[in-house]
């Protein structure tokens, strides 16, 4: 297993890659192979938006936690509603990126203050999709 840091569109991902040699490795279940190569976002420092960028549509107050898009994609399904209580890790929405559906979970427990996206909407990396207070 080798670990690499890969930068895609300014976002750093940590990935582990396993070399597969021979037929014995090919017999592993597909889910195990996918888990071994799935990208895991590495923590990145906050980057300020360029001066000419449009302001974010979501208002994040003091003490609130934004749920941001980890990558560009299309919102397939919104599972949480404003006013709903969520626990850390609860799935808030499904984001499709690179033909894969990714569950976007609550980064913290709290109440969903706002959902800022709709199903079918495209999002950019770092865009605030929801706010938890």
N, C-alpha and C. Protein backbone atom coordinates (compact mmCIF):
# COMPACT_ATOMS: atom_id res chain seq x y z
N UNK A 1 0.84 -1.17 0.00
CA UNK A 1 0.00 0.00 0.00
C UNK A 1 0.89 1.23 0.00
N UNK A 2 0.68 2.12 -0.95
CA UNK A 2 1.42 3.37 -1.01
C UNK A 2 0.45 4.51 -0.83
N UNK A 3 0.87 5.55 -0.10
CA UNK A 3 0.04 6.72 0.12
C UNK A 3 0.55 7.87 -0.73
N UNK A 4 -0.39 8.60 -1.32
CA UNK A 4 -0.07 9.75 -2.15
C UNK A 4 -0.98 10.91 -1.78
N UNK A 5 -0.52 12.13 -1.99
CA UNK A 5 -1.35 13.31 -1.90
C UNK A 5 -1.55 13.80 -3.32
N UNK A 6 -2.81 13.97 -3.72
CA UNK A 6 -3.15 14.39 -5.07
C UNK A 6 -3.96 15.69 -4.97
N UNK A 7 -3.61 16.67 -5.79
CA UNK A 7 -4.35 17.93 -5.82
C UNK A 7 -5.20 17.96 -7.08
N UNK A 8 -6.52 18.15 -6.89
CA UNK A 8 -7.46 18.24 -8.00
C UNK A 8 -8.25 19.54 -7.83
N UNK A 9 -8.11 20.44 -8.80
CA UNK A 9 -8.80 21.73 -8.76
C UNK A 9 -8.58 22.45 -7.44
N UNK A 10 -7.38 22.39 -6.91
CA UNK A 10 -7.04 23.11 -5.69
C UNK A 10 -7.40 22.37 -4.41
N UNK A 11 -8.05 21.22 -4.49
CA UNK A 11 -8.41 20.43 -3.32
C UNK A 11 -7.43 19.27 -3.18
N UNK A 12 -6.88 19.10 -1.98
CA UNK A 12 -5.89 18.05 -1.74
C UNK A 12 -6.61 16.80 -1.23
N UNK A 13 -6.31 15.66 -1.84
CA UNK A 13 -6.86 14.37 -1.43
C UNK A 13 -5.71 13.45 -1.04
N UNK A 14 -5.91 12.67 0.03
CA UNK A 14 -4.97 11.62 0.38
C UNK A 14 -5.53 10.32 -0.18
N UNK A 15 -4.73 9.59 -0.93
CA UNK A 15 -5.18 8.33 -1.50
C UNK A 15 -4.19 7.24 -1.17
N UNK A 16 -4.70 6.03 -1.04
CA UNK A 16 -3.86 4.86 -0.85
C UNK A 16 -4.03 3.99 -2.08
N UNK A 17 -2.92 3.51 -2.63
CA UNK A 17 -2.96 2.71 -3.84
C UNK A 17 -2.28 1.38 -3.55
N UNK A 18 -2.95 0.32 -3.94
CA UNK A 18 -2.40 -1.02 -3.76
C UNK A 18 -2.09 -1.60 -5.13
N UNK A 19 -0.89 -2.13 -5.29
CA UNK A 19 -0.53 -2.76 -6.55
C UNK A 19 -1.14 -4.15 -6.59
N UNK A 20 -1.84 -4.45 -7.68
CA UNK A 20 -2.49 -5.76 -7.82
C UNK A 20 -1.66 -6.58 -8.79
N UNK A 21 -1.15 -7.71 -8.32
CA UNK A 21 -0.31 -8.56 -9.14
C UNK A 21 -0.89 -9.97 -9.13
N UNK A 22 -1.05 -10.58 -10.32
CA UNK A 22 -1.49 -11.96 -10.41
C UNK A 22 -2.99 -12.13 -10.28
N UNK A 23 -3.46 -13.37 -10.47
CA UNK A 23 -4.89 -13.67 -10.45
C UNK A 23 -5.45 -13.69 -9.04
N UNK A 24 -4.64 -13.98 -8.02
CA UNK A 24 -5.13 -14.04 -6.65
C UNK A 24 -5.68 -12.68 -6.23
N UNK A 25 -5.04 -11.61 -6.65
CA UNK A 25 -5.52 -10.27 -6.30
C UNK A 25 -6.80 -9.94 -7.04
N UNK A 26 -6.96 -10.45 -8.25
CA UNK A 26 -8.15 -10.16 -9.05
C UNK A 26 -9.38 -10.81 -8.45
N UNK A 27 -9.21 -11.82 -7.58
CA UNK A 27 -10.34 -12.51 -6.99
C UNK A 27 -10.96 -11.72 -5.84
N UNK A 28 -10.32 -10.66 -5.39
CA UNK A 28 -10.89 -9.86 -4.29
C UNK A 28 -12.20 -9.25 -4.73
N UNK A 29 -13.14 -9.08 -3.81
CA UNK A 29 -14.41 -8.44 -4.18
C UNK A 29 -14.19 -7.01 -4.67
N UNK A 30 -15.04 -6.58 -5.59
CA UNK A 30 -14.92 -5.24 -6.16
C UNK A 30 -15.03 -4.16 -5.09
N UNK A 31 -15.87 -4.37 -4.09
CA UNK A 31 -16.03 -3.36 -3.03
C UNK A 31 -14.72 -3.16 -2.27
N UNK A 32 -13.98 -4.24 -2.04
CA UNK A 32 -12.71 -4.12 -1.32
C UNK A 32 -11.70 -3.35 -2.16
N UNK A 33 -11.69 -3.61 -3.48
CA UNK A 33 -10.78 -2.86 -4.35
C UNK A 33 -11.15 -1.39 -4.36
N UNK A 34 -12.44 -1.08 -4.44
CA UNK A 34 -12.88 0.32 -4.48
C UNK A 34 -12.54 1.03 -3.18
N UNK A 35 -12.71 0.35 -2.05
CA UNK A 35 -12.40 0.97 -0.76
C UNK A 35 -10.91 1.27 -0.65
N UNK A 36 -10.09 0.44 -1.26
CA UNK A 36 -8.65 0.66 -1.18
C UNK A 36 -8.20 1.86 -1.99
N UNK A 37 -8.99 2.26 -2.99
CA UNK A 37 -8.58 3.35 -3.85
C UNK A 37 -9.47 4.58 -3.74
N UNK A 38 -10.46 4.58 -2.84
CA UNK A 38 -11.35 5.74 -2.72
C UNK A 38 -10.61 6.94 -2.16
N UNK A 39 -10.76 8.13 -2.77
CA UNK A 39 -10.07 9.31 -2.27
C UNK A 39 -10.65 9.77 -0.95
N UNK A 40 -9.79 10.22 -0.06
CA UNK A 40 -10.19 10.77 1.22
C UNK A 40 -9.69 12.20 1.28
N UNK A 41 -10.60 13.17 1.38
CA UNK A 41 -10.13 14.55 1.41
C UNK A 41 -9.20 14.80 2.59
N UNK A 42 -8.07 15.43 2.31
CA UNK A 42 -7.14 15.80 3.36
C UNK A 42 -7.54 17.16 3.90
N UNK A 43 -7.27 17.42 5.17
CA UNK A 43 -7.61 18.74 5.68
C UNK A 43 -6.82 19.81 4.93
N UNK A 44 -7.51 20.85 4.54
CA UNK A 44 -6.86 21.94 3.82
C UNK A 44 -7.14 23.25 4.53
N UNK A 45 -6.22 24.18 4.48
CA UNK A 45 -6.47 25.47 5.12
C UNK A 45 -7.53 26.24 4.35
N UNK A 46 -8.24 27.10 5.06
CA UNK A 46 -9.27 27.91 4.42
C UNK A 46 -8.63 28.87 3.42
N UNK A 47 -9.26 28.99 2.26
CA UNK A 47 -8.75 29.86 1.22
C UNK A 47 -9.77 30.96 1.01
N UNK A 48 -9.31 32.21 0.99
CA UNK A 48 -10.25 33.31 0.79
C UNK A 48 -10.66 33.36 -0.68
N UNK A 49 -11.91 33.78 -0.91
CA UNK A 49 -12.43 33.85 -2.27
C UNK A 49 -11.82 35.03 -3.00
N UNK A 50 -11.62 34.91 -4.31
CA UNK A 50 -11.11 36.03 -5.08
C UNK A 50 -12.07 37.22 -4.97
N UNK A 51 -11.54 38.44 -5.14
CA UNK A 51 -12.35 39.65 -4.99
C UNK A 51 -13.47 39.73 -6.01
N UNK A 52 -13.27 39.15 -7.20
CA UNK A 52 -14.30 39.23 -8.23
C UNK A 52 -15.30 38.09 -8.18
N UNK A 53 -15.17 37.19 -7.20
CA UNK A 53 -16.09 36.06 -7.09
C UNK A 53 -17.43 36.53 -6.53
N UNK A 54 -18.50 35.85 -6.94
CA UNK A 54 -19.83 36.19 -6.45
C UNK A 54 -19.93 35.79 -4.98
N UNK A 55 -20.64 36.54 -4.17
CA UNK A 55 -20.77 36.20 -2.76
C UNK A 55 -21.56 34.90 -2.59
N UNK A 56 -21.24 34.17 -1.53
CA UNK A 56 -21.94 32.92 -1.25
C UNK A 56 -23.39 33.21 -0.91
N UNK A 57 -24.35 32.43 -1.42
CA UNK A 57 -25.75 32.71 -1.16
C UNK A 57 -26.16 32.38 0.28
N UNK A 58 -25.41 31.55 0.97
CA UNK A 58 -25.77 31.13 2.31
C UNK A 58 -25.16 32.05 3.35
N UNK A 59 -25.93 32.34 4.38
CA UNK A 59 -25.43 33.13 5.50
C UNK A 59 -25.09 32.17 6.63
N UNK A 60 -23.83 32.16 7.04
CA UNK A 60 -23.38 31.30 8.12
C UNK A 60 -23.07 32.19 9.31
N UNK A 61 -23.87 32.08 10.36
CA UNK A 61 -23.69 32.91 11.54
C UNK A 61 -22.64 32.35 12.47
N UNK A 62 -22.30 33.14 13.47
CA UNK A 62 -21.34 32.70 14.48
C UNK A 62 -21.90 31.47 15.18
N UNK A 63 -21.09 30.46 15.33
CA UNK A 63 -21.51 29.23 15.98
C UNK A 63 -22.19 28.23 15.05
N UNK A 64 -22.49 28.64 13.82
CA UNK A 64 -23.11 27.74 12.85
C UNK A 64 -22.02 26.97 12.11
N UNK A 65 -22.37 25.80 11.60
CA UNK A 65 -21.43 24.97 10.85
C UNK A 65 -21.92 24.84 9.41
N UNK A 66 -21.12 25.30 8.44
CA UNK A 66 -21.53 25.12 7.05
C UNK A 66 -21.24 23.70 6.57
N UNK A 67 -22.09 23.19 5.70
CA UNK A 67 -21.86 21.91 5.03
C UNK A 67 -21.51 22.29 3.60
N UNK A 68 -20.22 22.13 3.23
CA UNK A 68 -19.76 22.57 1.93
C UNK A 68 -19.55 21.40 0.97
N UNK A 69 -19.59 21.70 -0.31
CA UNK A 69 -19.37 20.69 -1.34
C UNK A 69 -17.88 20.34 -1.36
N UNK A 70 -17.52 19.06 -1.20
CA UNK A 70 -16.12 18.67 -1.20
C UNK A 70 -15.51 18.63 -2.60
N UNK A 71 -16.38 18.63 -3.63
CA UNK A 71 -15.93 18.53 -5.01
C UNK A 71 -17.04 19.05 -5.91
N UNK A 72 -16.74 19.34 -7.16
CA UNK A 72 -17.81 19.75 -8.06
C UNK A 72 -18.73 18.56 -8.34
N UNK A 73 -20.00 18.82 -8.47
CA UNK A 73 -20.93 17.73 -8.74
C UNK A 73 -22.35 18.23 -8.88
N UNK A 74 -23.27 17.29 -8.87
CA UNK A 74 -24.69 17.58 -9.03
C UNK A 74 -25.44 16.98 -7.85
N UNK A 75 -26.27 17.78 -7.20
CA UNK A 75 -27.06 17.31 -6.06
C UNK A 75 -28.13 16.37 -6.61
N UNK A 76 -28.10 15.12 -6.18
CA UNK A 76 -29.07 14.15 -6.67
C UNK A 76 -30.32 14.09 -5.78
N UNK A 77 -30.12 14.23 -4.46
CA UNK A 77 -31.25 14.10 -3.54
C UNK A 77 -30.93 14.88 -2.27
N UNK A 78 -31.92 15.61 -1.76
CA UNK A 78 -31.78 16.32 -0.48
C UNK A 78 -32.61 15.52 0.53
N UNK A 79 -31.94 15.04 1.58
CA UNK A 79 -32.60 14.16 2.55
C UNK A 79 -33.04 14.88 3.82
N UNK A 80 -32.42 16.01 4.16
CA UNK A 80 -32.75 16.74 5.38
C UNK A 80 -33.58 17.97 5.03
N UNK A 81 -34.30 18.47 6.02
CA UNK A 81 -35.12 19.68 5.85
C UNK A 81 -34.72 20.70 6.90
N UNK A 82 -34.94 21.97 6.60
CA UNK A 82 -34.67 23.03 7.56
C UNK A 82 -35.52 22.78 8.81
N UNK A 83 -34.89 22.95 9.98
CA UNK A 83 -35.58 22.74 11.24
C UNK A 83 -35.43 21.33 11.80
N UNK A 84 -34.91 20.42 11.00
CA UNK A 84 -34.74 19.03 11.40
C UNK A 84 -33.48 18.86 12.25
N UNK A 85 -33.56 18.04 13.31
CA UNK A 85 -32.38 17.74 14.12
C UNK A 85 -31.57 16.64 13.45
N UNK A 86 -30.25 16.80 13.46
CA UNK A 86 -29.37 15.79 12.89
C UNK A 86 -28.25 15.46 13.87
N UNK A 87 -27.75 14.24 13.78
CA UNK A 87 -26.59 13.83 14.56
C UNK A 87 -25.37 13.88 13.65
N UNK A 88 -24.20 13.94 14.24
CA UNK A 88 -22.97 13.94 13.46
C UNK A 88 -22.94 12.68 12.60
N UNK A 89 -22.71 12.86 11.30
CA UNK A 89 -22.63 11.73 10.38
C UNK A 89 -23.93 11.40 9.67
N UNK A 90 -25.07 11.95 10.14
CA UNK A 90 -26.34 11.71 9.44
C UNK A 90 -26.23 12.23 8.01
N UNK A 91 -26.76 11.48 7.05
CA UNK A 91 -26.68 11.88 5.65
C UNK A 91 -27.68 13.00 5.40
N UNK A 92 -27.16 14.12 4.88
CA UNK A 92 -27.99 15.29 4.60
C UNK A 92 -28.42 15.30 3.15
N UNK A 93 -27.49 14.95 2.25
CA UNK A 93 -27.82 14.93 0.83
C UNK A 93 -26.89 14.00 0.07
N UNK A 94 -27.27 13.71 -1.16
CA UNK A 94 -26.48 12.84 -2.04
C UNK A 94 -25.93 13.72 -3.17
N UNK A 95 -24.61 13.67 -3.35
CA UNK A 95 -23.93 14.46 -4.38
C UNK A 95 -23.30 13.50 -5.38
N UNK A 96 -23.65 13.68 -6.66
CA UNK A 96 -23.05 12.84 -7.70
C UNK A 96 -21.86 13.58 -8.30
N UNK A 97 -20.72 12.91 -8.29
CA UNK A 97 -19.51 13.47 -8.88
C UNK A 97 -18.75 12.34 -9.54
N UNK A 98 -18.31 12.55 -10.75
CA UNK A 98 -17.54 11.55 -11.51
C UNK A 98 -18.26 10.21 -11.57
N UNK A 99 -19.58 10.25 -11.82
CA UNK A 99 -20.42 9.06 -11.97
C UNK A 99 -20.55 8.25 -10.69
N UNK A 100 -20.20 8.85 -9.54
CA UNK A 100 -20.34 8.16 -8.25
C UNK A 100 -21.24 8.99 -7.36
N UNK A 101 -22.09 8.32 -6.59
CA UNK A 101 -22.96 9.03 -5.65
C UNK A 101 -22.28 9.05 -4.29
N UNK A 102 -22.12 10.26 -3.74
CA UNK A 102 -21.43 10.45 -2.46
C UNK A 102 -22.42 10.94 -1.42
N UNK A 103 -22.45 10.28 -0.27
CA UNK A 103 -23.31 10.71 0.82
C UNK A 103 -22.61 11.84 1.56
N UNK A 104 -23.27 12.98 1.67
CA UNK A 104 -22.73 14.11 2.39
C UNK A 104 -23.38 14.13 3.76
N UNK A 105 -22.57 13.91 4.79
CA UNK A 105 -23.08 13.79 6.15
C UNK A 105 -22.91 15.07 6.95
N UNK A 106 -23.63 15.14 8.04
CA UNK A 106 -23.55 16.29 8.95
C UNK A 106 -22.20 16.26 9.65
N UNK A 107 -21.43 17.36 9.58
CA UNK A 107 -20.13 17.39 10.24
C UNK A 107 -20.25 17.52 11.76
N UNK A 108 -21.44 17.88 12.25
CA UNK A 108 -21.67 18.06 13.67
C UNK A 108 -23.14 17.83 13.97
N UNK A 109 -23.46 17.59 15.23
CA UNK A 109 -24.85 17.45 15.63
C UNK A 109 -25.48 18.83 15.78
N UNK A 110 -26.77 18.93 15.53
CA UNK A 110 -27.45 20.21 15.68
C UNK A 110 -28.76 20.21 14.91
N UNK A 111 -29.23 21.41 14.62
CA UNK A 111 -30.46 21.60 13.87
C UNK A 111 -30.12 22.20 12.51
N UNK A 112 -30.72 21.66 11.46
CA UNK A 112 -30.48 22.18 10.11
C UNK A 112 -31.14 23.56 10.04
N UNK A 113 -30.32 24.60 9.88
CA UNK A 113 -30.86 25.97 9.78
C UNK A 113 -31.34 26.26 8.36
N UNK A 114 -30.59 25.78 7.37
CA UNK A 114 -31.01 26.03 5.99
C UNK A 114 -30.42 24.98 5.06
N UNK A 115 -31.16 24.70 4.00
CA UNK A 115 -30.69 23.87 2.89
C UNK A 115 -30.61 24.84 1.71
N UNK A 116 -29.43 25.01 1.14
CA UNK A 116 -29.20 26.04 0.13
C UNK A 116 -29.11 25.50 -1.29
N UNK A 117 -29.44 24.22 -1.49
CA UNK A 117 -29.39 23.62 -2.82
C UNK A 117 -30.67 22.83 -3.05
N UNK A 118 -30.94 22.56 -4.31
CA UNK A 118 -32.08 21.73 -4.71
C UNK A 118 -31.57 20.54 -5.50
N UNK A 119 -32.37 19.48 -5.54
CA UNK A 119 -32.02 18.32 -6.35
C UNK A 119 -31.87 18.77 -7.80
N UNK A 120 -30.81 18.29 -8.45
CA UNK A 120 -30.55 18.63 -9.84
C UNK A 120 -29.61 19.82 -10.01
N UNK A 121 -29.32 20.51 -8.92
CA UNK A 121 -28.45 21.69 -8.98
C UNK A 121 -26.98 21.29 -9.00
N UNK A 122 -26.18 21.97 -9.80
CA UNK A 122 -24.74 21.76 -9.82
C UNK A 122 -24.10 22.63 -8.75
N UNK A 123 -23.04 22.09 -8.12
CA UNK A 123 -22.32 22.83 -7.10
C UNK A 123 -20.84 22.83 -7.41
N UNK A 124 -20.16 23.84 -6.89
CA UNK A 124 -18.71 23.96 -7.04
C UNK A 124 -18.05 23.58 -5.72
N UNK A 125 -16.77 23.21 -5.73
CA UNK A 125 -16.09 22.88 -4.47
C UNK A 125 -16.14 24.06 -3.51
N UNK A 126 -16.46 23.78 -2.26
CA UNK A 126 -16.51 24.80 -1.23
C UNK A 126 -17.82 25.55 -1.13
N UNK A 127 -18.74 25.31 -2.07
CA UNK A 127 -20.04 25.99 -2.03
C UNK A 127 -20.82 25.49 -0.81
N UNK A 128 -21.45 26.41 -0.08
CA UNK A 128 -22.22 26.05 1.12
C UNK A 128 -23.56 25.47 0.67
N UNK A 129 -23.76 24.18 0.99
CA UNK A 129 -24.98 23.50 0.58
C UNK A 129 -26.04 23.52 1.69
N UNK A 130 -25.58 23.59 2.95
CA UNK A 130 -26.50 23.60 4.09
C UNK A 130 -25.78 24.26 5.25
N UNK A 131 -26.58 24.66 6.26
CA UNK A 131 -26.02 25.25 7.47
C UNK A 131 -26.66 24.53 8.66
N UNK A 132 -25.79 24.12 9.61
CA UNK A 132 -26.25 23.45 10.82
C UNK A 132 -25.91 24.34 12.00
N UNK A 133 -26.88 24.55 12.88
CA UNK A 133 -26.65 25.41 14.05
C UNK A 133 -26.81 24.66 15.33
